[in-house]
Amino acid sequence: MKILQQIKQIEQLSDEEEKLFIAHVKPRLYKKGEFLFKEGDYCKKIYIIESGLARLFYFSEQGKEVTIWFSIESFYVTAIDSFMKKTPTRYYCEVLENSMVYEITQESFEQLFNTSHSLAKFSFRTLFDLTTHLINNIDSLKFQTAKEKYIRLQKQQPSIFQKVPLQYIASYIGITPETLSRLRAEK
């Protein structure tokens, strides 16, 4: 379990804490095209991508898919507002390739948080990472040009360009597929 190794890099866990974590984190294999959640669902889990890839998106008022997040291996995805406020989400999360995903329910997340100082640090770090990623995406949308967004994505998640259809990347950057093709040709 890669996620357990990541936690151990941040915080020492006792054998009892490891067992507790494993008991609360459930593995599930998702096939390409399946959804972790859809608009209108109450997102009651945090998903950790062990292997594979997922994308978070919504439909604009014009009915166009707008990609807002790619979750790659060893990273999390959830509809954070739905998870925290227990309200329906407006987002969809689709698995773009067969993926091994670990799921932590709200109840398990809270229990891990309340049971162990080390696991509380992991829980806090998870929320911190999700929030930081979200803020970085918002900053990127507001303050970066399409070219800067493209370069940032290349640096932060280079494997995306081999795994994700270009229309999703273009949507994420906020440009047309044709403009993305021109950006790619500049390199």
Protein backbone atom coordinates (compact mmCIF):
# COMPACT_ATOMS: atom_id res chain seq x y z
CA MET A 1 0.00 0.00 0.00
CA LYS A 2 1.87 3.09 -1.30
CA ILE A 3 -0.20 5.49 0.77
CA LEU A 4 0.93 3.81 3.97
CA GLN A 5 4.54 4.31 2.88
CA GLN A 6 3.83 8.00 2.23
CA ILE A 7 2.36 8.42 5.69
CA LYS A 8 5.40 6.77 7.24
CA GLN A 9 7.62 9.34 5.51
CA ILE A 10 5.70 12.08 7.31
CA GLU A 11 4.89 10.41 10.61
CA GLN A 12 5.95 7.33 12.55
CA LEU A 13 3.11 4.84 12.97
CA SER A 14 2.90 2.10 15.55
CA ASP A 15 1.84 -1.38 14.45
CA GLU A 16 -1.56 -0.69 16.03
CA GLU A 17 -1.94 2.56 14.05
CA GLU A 18 -1.02 0.80 10.81
CA LYS A 19 -3.66 -1.86 11.47
CA LEU A 20 -6.21 0.82 12.30
CA PHE A 21 -5.44 2.67 9.08
CA ILE A 22 -5.65 -0.48 6.97
CA ALA A 23 -8.98 -1.36 8.61
CA HIS A 24 -10.47 2.01 7.60
CA VAL A 25 -9.08 2.37 4.09
CA LYS A 26 -10.82 0.14 1.58
CA PRO A 27 -9.25 -0.79 -1.77
CA ARG A 28 -11.40 -0.89 -4.88
CA LEU A 29 -10.58 -1.45 -8.54
CA TYR A 30 -12.36 0.93 -10.91
CA LYS A 31 -12.51 0.28 -14.62
CA LYS A 32 -11.84 2.96 -17.22
CA GLY A 33 -14.95 5.13 -17.63
CA GLU A 34 -16.44 4.43 -14.20
CA PHE A 35 -17.34 7.30 -11.90
CA LEU A 36 -16.25 7.78 -8.31
CA PHE A 37 -19.14 10.24 -7.92
CA LYS A 38 -21.52 12.26 -10.08
CA GLU A 39 -23.37 15.55 -9.88
CA GLY A 40 -26.09 15.36 -7.24
CA ASP A 41 -24.30 12.70 -5.19
CA TYR A 42 -23.31 13.31 -1.62
CA CYS A 43 -19.56 12.74 -1.80
CA LYS A 44 -18.96 10.80 1.41
CA LYS A 45 -15.44 9.59 0.64
CA ILE A 46 -11.92 10.73 -0.01
CA TYR A 47 -10.33 8.70 -2.77
CA ILE A 48 -6.61 7.98 -2.95
CA ILE A 49 -5.38 6.96 -6.39
CA GLU A 50 -2.92 4.12 -5.82
CA SER A 51 -2.49 3.51 -9.54
CA GLY A 52 -4.31 4.98 -12.49
CA LEU A 53 -5.84 8.37 -13.15
CA ALA A 54 -9.07 10.27 -12.55
CA ARG A 55 -10.43 13.63 -13.62
CA LEU A 56 -12.83 15.98 -11.90
CA PHE A 57 -15.18 17.97 -14.14
CA TYR A 58 -18.53 19.71 -14.39
CA PHE A 59 -20.90 20.76 -17.16
CA SER A 60 -21.05 24.46 -17.99
CA GLU A 61 -24.35 26.27 -18.60
CA GLN A 62 -23.73 25.64 -22.31
CA GLY A 63 -23.43 21.90 -21.67
CA LYS A 64 -19.67 21.71 -22.21
CA GLU A 65 -17.49 19.53 -19.99
CA VAL A 66 -15.01 21.63 -18.02
CA THR A 67 -12.12 19.67 -16.49
CA ILE A 68 -10.86 21.20 -13.25
CA TRP A 69 -8.56 18.56 -11.77
CA PHE A 70 -6.51 15.50 -12.64
CA SER A 71 -5.73 13.11 -9.83
CA ILE A 72 -2.68 10.98 -10.55
CA GLU A 73 -1.05 8.16 -8.62
CA SER A 74 -0.55 8.77 -4.91
CA PHE A 75 -2.86 11.75 -4.81
CA TYR A 76 -6.35 12.37 -3.51
CA VAL A 77 -9.61 13.39 -5.07
CA THR A 78 -12.98 14.26 -3.61
CA ALA A 79 -15.66 16.91 -3.91
CA ILE A 80 -14.29 18.73 -0.88
CA ASP A 81 -17.32 20.99 -0.38
CA SER A 82 -19.68 18.03 -0.49
CA PHE A 83 -17.43 15.94 1.75
CA MET A 84 -17.07 18.63 4.41
CA LYS A 85 -20.55 20.18 4.31
CA LYS A 86 -22.47 16.97 3.52
CA THR A 87 -24.23 18.58 0.56
CA PRO A 88 -24.74 17.34 -3.02
CA THR A 89 -21.86 17.94 -5.39
CA ARG A 90 -22.03 19.59 -8.78
CA TYR A 91 -18.98 17.67 -9.99
CA TYR A 92 -18.26 14.37 -11.71
CA CYS A 93 -15.16 12.28 -11.11
CA GLU A 94 -14.36 9.83 -13.89
CA VAL A 95 -11.60 7.22 -13.93
CA LEU A 96 -9.63 7.62 -17.17
CA GLU A 97 -7.85 4.27 -16.99
CA ASN A 98 -8.22 1.14 -14.88
CA SER A 99 -7.33 2.34 -11.41
CA MET A 100 -6.70 0.96 -7.94
CA VAL A 101 -8.31 3.40 -5.55
CA TYR A 102 -8.38 3.48 -1.76
CA GLU A 103 -11.54 4.91 -0.23
CA ILE A 104 -11.89 6.57 3.16
CA THR A 105 -15.43 7.35 4.30
CA GLN A 106 -16.29 10.47 6.29
CA GLU A 107 -16.84 8.31 9.36
CA SER A 108 -13.50 6.53 8.97
CA PHE A 109 -11.72 9.82 8.30
CA GLU A 110 -13.12 11.30 11.50
CA GLN A 111 -12.34 8.15 13.48
CA LEU A 112 -8.74 8.12 12.26
CA PHE A 113 -8.50 11.80 13.14
CA ASN A 114 -9.85 11.25 16.65
CA THR A 115 -8.07 7.99 17.48
CA SER A 116 -4.40 8.67 16.88
CA HIS A 117 -2.22 11.76 16.90
CA SER A 118 -0.17 10.39 13.98
CA LEU A 119 -3.25 9.58 11.93
CA ALA A 120 -4.74 12.96 12.83
CA LYS A 121 -1.65 14.54 11.28
CA PHE A 122 -2.24 12.43 8.16
CA SER A 123 -5.90 13.52 8.07
CA PHE A 124 -4.93 17.15 8.45
CA ARG A 125 -2.24 16.77 5.77
CA THR A 126 -4.79 15.23 3.39
CA LEU A 127 -7.17 18.18 3.81
CA PHE A 128 -4.25 20.60 3.54
CA ASP A 129 -3.03 18.99 0.29
CA LEU A 130 -6.53 19.00 -1.23
CA THR A 131 -7.08 22.63 -0.28
CA THR A 132 -3.65 23.72 -1.50
CA HIS A 133 -4.20 22.00 -4.85
CA LEU A 134 -7.58 23.69 -5.18
CA ILE A 135 -6.14 27.13 -4.35
CA ASN A 136 -3.30 26.64 -6.84
CA ASN A 137 -5.85 25.77 -9.53
CA ILE A 138 -7.88 28.89 -8.74
CA ASP A 139 -4.75 31.06 -8.83
CA SER A 140 -3.76 29.51 -12.13
CA LEU A 141 -7.18 30.21 -13.65
CA LYS A 142 -7.14 33.83 -12.50
CA PHE A 143 -3.53 34.85 -13.00
CA GLN A 144 -1.82 32.66 -15.61
CA THR A 145 -1.94 32.75 -19.38
CA ALA A 146 -2.79 29.58 -21.30
CA LYS A 147 0.89 29.09 -22.11
CA GLU A 148 1.86 29.43 -18.43
CA LYS A 149 -0.84 26.91 -17.44
CA TYR A 150 0.42 24.52 -20.11
CA ILE A 151 4.04 24.81 -18.90
CA ARG A 152 2.95 24.39 -15.26
CA LEU A 153 1.02 21.22 -16.12
CA GLN A 154 4.01 19.87 -18.06
CA LYS A 155 6.28 20.43 -15.05
CA GLN A 156 3.89 19.19 -12.35
CA GLN A 157 2.23 16.27 -14.11
CA PRO A 158 4.14 15.36 -17.30
CA SER A 159 2.55 11.89 -17.54
CA ILE A 160 -0.84 13.53 -18.13
CA PHE A 161 0.16 14.27 -21.72
CA GLN A 162 0.62 10.56 -22.48
CA LYS A 163 -2.51 9.38 -20.63
CA VAL A 164 -5.22 12.00 -21.10
CA PRO A 165 -7.12 12.91 -24.28
CA LEU A 166 -6.07 16.35 -25.48
CA GLN A 167 -9.59 17.78 -25.27
CA TYR A 168 -9.53 17.21 -21.48
CA ILE A 169 -6.15 18.92 -21.19
CA ALA A 170 -7.38 21.84 -23.29
CA SER A 171 -10.48 22.11 -21.11
CA TYR A 172 -8.34 22.06 -17.96
CA ILE A 173 -6.13 24.86 -19.29
CA GLY A 174 -9.18 26.78 -20.52
CA ILE A 175 -8.42 26.78 -24.24
CA THR A 176 -9.61 25.02 -27.38
CA PRO A 177 -7.93 21.83 -28.60
CA GLU A 178 -6.67 23.82 -31.61
CA THR A 179 -4.95 26.37 -29.37
CA LEU A 180 -3.43 23.51 -27.38
CA SER A 181 -2.07 22.04 -30.61
CA ARG A 182 -0.42 25.41 -31.42
CA LEU A 183 1.12 25.57 -27.92
CA ARG A 184 2.46 22.05 -28.28
CA ALA A 185 3.95 22.92 -31.68
CA GLU A 186 5.89 25.85 -30.14
CA LYS A 187 8.05 23.48 -28.09
